[in-house]
C-alpha atoms as a PDB file:
ATOM      1  CA  MET A   1       0.000   0.000   0.000  1.00  0.00           C
ATOM      2  CA  PRO A   2       1.444   3.412  -0.913  1.00  0.00           C
ATOM      3  CA  ASN A   3       2.245   6.005   1.724  1.00  0.00           C
ATOM      4  CA  ASN A   4      -0.109   8.431  -0.042  1.00  0.00           C
ATOM      5  CA  PRO A   5      -3.664   7.021  -0.177  1.00  0.00           C
ATOM      6  CA  TYR A   6      -4.740   9.704  -2.664  1.00  0.00           C
ATOM      7  CA  ALA A   7      -2.212   8.360  -5.192  1.00  0.00           C
ATOM      8  CA  LEU A   8      -3.759   4.903  -4.665  1.00  0.00           C
ATOM      9  CA  TYR A   9      -7.271   6.280  -5.198  1.00  0.00           C
ATOM     10  CA  ALA A  10      -6.152   7.938  -8.453  1.00  0.00           C
ATOM     11  CA  SER A  11      -4.067   5.098  -9.905  1.00  0.00           C
ATOM     12  CA  GLY A  12      -6.115   2.170  -8.639  1.00  0.00           C
ATOM     13  CA  PHE A  13      -9.640   3.526  -8.883  1.00  0.00           C
ATOM     14  CA  GLY A  14      -9.494   6.621 -11.121  1.00  0.00           C
ATOM     15  CA  VAL A  15     -10.708   8.854  -8.269  1.00  0.00           C
ATOM     16  CA  LYS A  16      -9.166  12.301  -7.900  1.00  0.00           C
ATOM     17  CA  ILE A  17      -9.451  14.019  -4.531  1.00  0.00           C
ATOM     18  CA  VAL A  18      -9.923  17.752  -4.977  1.00  0.00           C
ATOM     19  CA  ARG A  19     -10.892  18.901  -1.487  1.00  0.00           C
ATOM     20  CA  ALA A  20     -10.337  17.803   2.076  1.00  0.00           C
ATOM     21  CA  GLU A  21     -11.593  19.364   5.287  1.00  0.00           C
ATOM     22  CA  GLU A  22     -10.284  18.739   8.799  1.00  0.00           C
ATOM     23  CA  ARG A  23     -11.607  19.631  12.209  1.00  0.00           C
ATOM     24  CA  ILE A  24      -9.252  19.371  15.151  1.00  0.00           C
ATOM     25  CA  LYS A  25     -10.460  19.485  18.731  1.00  0.00           C
ATOM     26  CA  ALA A  26      -8.709  19.136  22.089  1.00  0.00           C
ATOM     27  CA  VAL A  27     -10.231  16.334  24.168  1.00  0.00           C
ATOM     28  CA  THR A  28      -9.480  14.158  27.176  1.00  0.00           C
ATOM     29  CA  LEU A  29      -9.299  10.427  26.576  1.00  0.00           C
ATOM     30  CA  ASN A  30     -12.122   8.242  27.805  1.00  0.00           C
ATOM     31  CA  ALA A  31     -11.330   4.769  29.148  1.00  0.00           C
ATOM     32  CA  ASP A  32     -11.707   3.000  25.776  1.00  0.00           C
ATOM     33  CA  SER A  33      -9.596   5.476  23.792  1.00  0.00           C
ATOM     34  CA  ALA A  34      -6.951   5.576  26.521  1.00  0.00           C
ATOM     35  CA  LYS A  35      -6.656   1.787  26.486  1.00  0.00           C
ATOM     36  CA  ARG A  36      -6.297   1.708  22.684  1.00  0.00           C
ATOM     37  CA  LEU A  37      -3.569   4.352  22.806  1.00  0.00           C
ATOM     38  CA  GLY A  38      -1.787   2.956  25.835  1.00  0.00           C
ATOM     39  CA  ALA A  39      -2.392   6.121  27.829  1.00  0.00           C
ATOM     40  CA  ALA A  40      -4.133   7.026  31.062  1.00  0.00           C
ATOM     41  CA  LYS A  41      -7.812   7.926  31.144  1.00  0.00           C
ATOM     42  CA  GLY A  42      -8.159  11.727  31.145  1.00  0.00           C
ATOM     43  CA  THR A  43      -4.944  12.318  29.162  1.00  0.00           C
ATOM     44  CA  ALA A  44      -5.140  15.320  26.815  1.00  0.00           C
ATOM     45  CA  ALA A  45      -5.269  14.439  23.117  1.00  0.00           C
ATOM     46  CA  LEU A  46      -6.267  15.859  19.739  1.00  0.00           C
ATOM     47  CA  GLN A  47      -9.309  14.481  17.952  1.00  0.00           C
ATOM     48  CA  ILE A  48      -9.134  14.874  14.172  1.00  0.00           C
ATOM     49  CA  ASP A  49     -12.095  14.413  11.852  1.00  0.00           C
ATOM     50  CA  ARG A  50     -11.321  14.563   8.116  1.00  0.00           C
ATOM     51  CA  VAL A  51     -13.432  14.217   4.987  1.00  0.00           C
ATOM     52  CA  ALA A  52     -12.175  14.190   1.395  1.00  0.00           C
ATOM     53  CA  ARG A  53     -14.254  14.675  -1.745  1.00  0.00           C
ATOM     54  CA  ASP A  54     -13.779  13.999  -5.440  1.00  0.00           C
ATOM     55  CA  LEU A  55     -14.477  16.132  -8.538  1.00  0.00           C
ATOM     56  CA  GLU A  56     -18.231  15.439  -8.286  1.00  0.00           C
ATOM     57  CA  ASN A  57     -18.225  16.415  -4.596  1.00  0.00           C
ATOM     58  CA  ARG A  58     -18.775  12.779  -3.545  1.00  0.00           C
ATOM     59  CA  LEU A  59     -17.501  11.794  -0.124  1.00  0.00           C
ATOM     60  CA  ILE A  60     -14.529   9.468  -0.756  1.00  0.00           C
ATOM     61  CA  GLU A  61     -12.815   9.351   2.599  1.00  0.00           C
ATOM     62  CA  TRP A  62     -13.823   9.870   6.213  1.00  0.00           C
ATOM     63  CA  ARG A  63     -11.358   9.609   9.055  1.00  0.00           C
ATOM     64  CA  GLY A  64     -12.754  10.172  12.479  1.00  0.00           C
ATOM     65  CA  ARG A  65     -14.023   8.572  15.585  1.00  0.00           C
END
């Protein structure tokens, strides 16, 4: 798998990403997230939600919770 997923989308599927939006928010980790990250509950972290769209404005990628 390439390091750049957008290159994979273009070469493997003919999909060109033209826009991406990110929202970043400071949070404290709940018990489940802390366990997954190997951190203590209540640790400060950044939560990032990202969506990417193609030429027709279709949602191609969503990274988030």
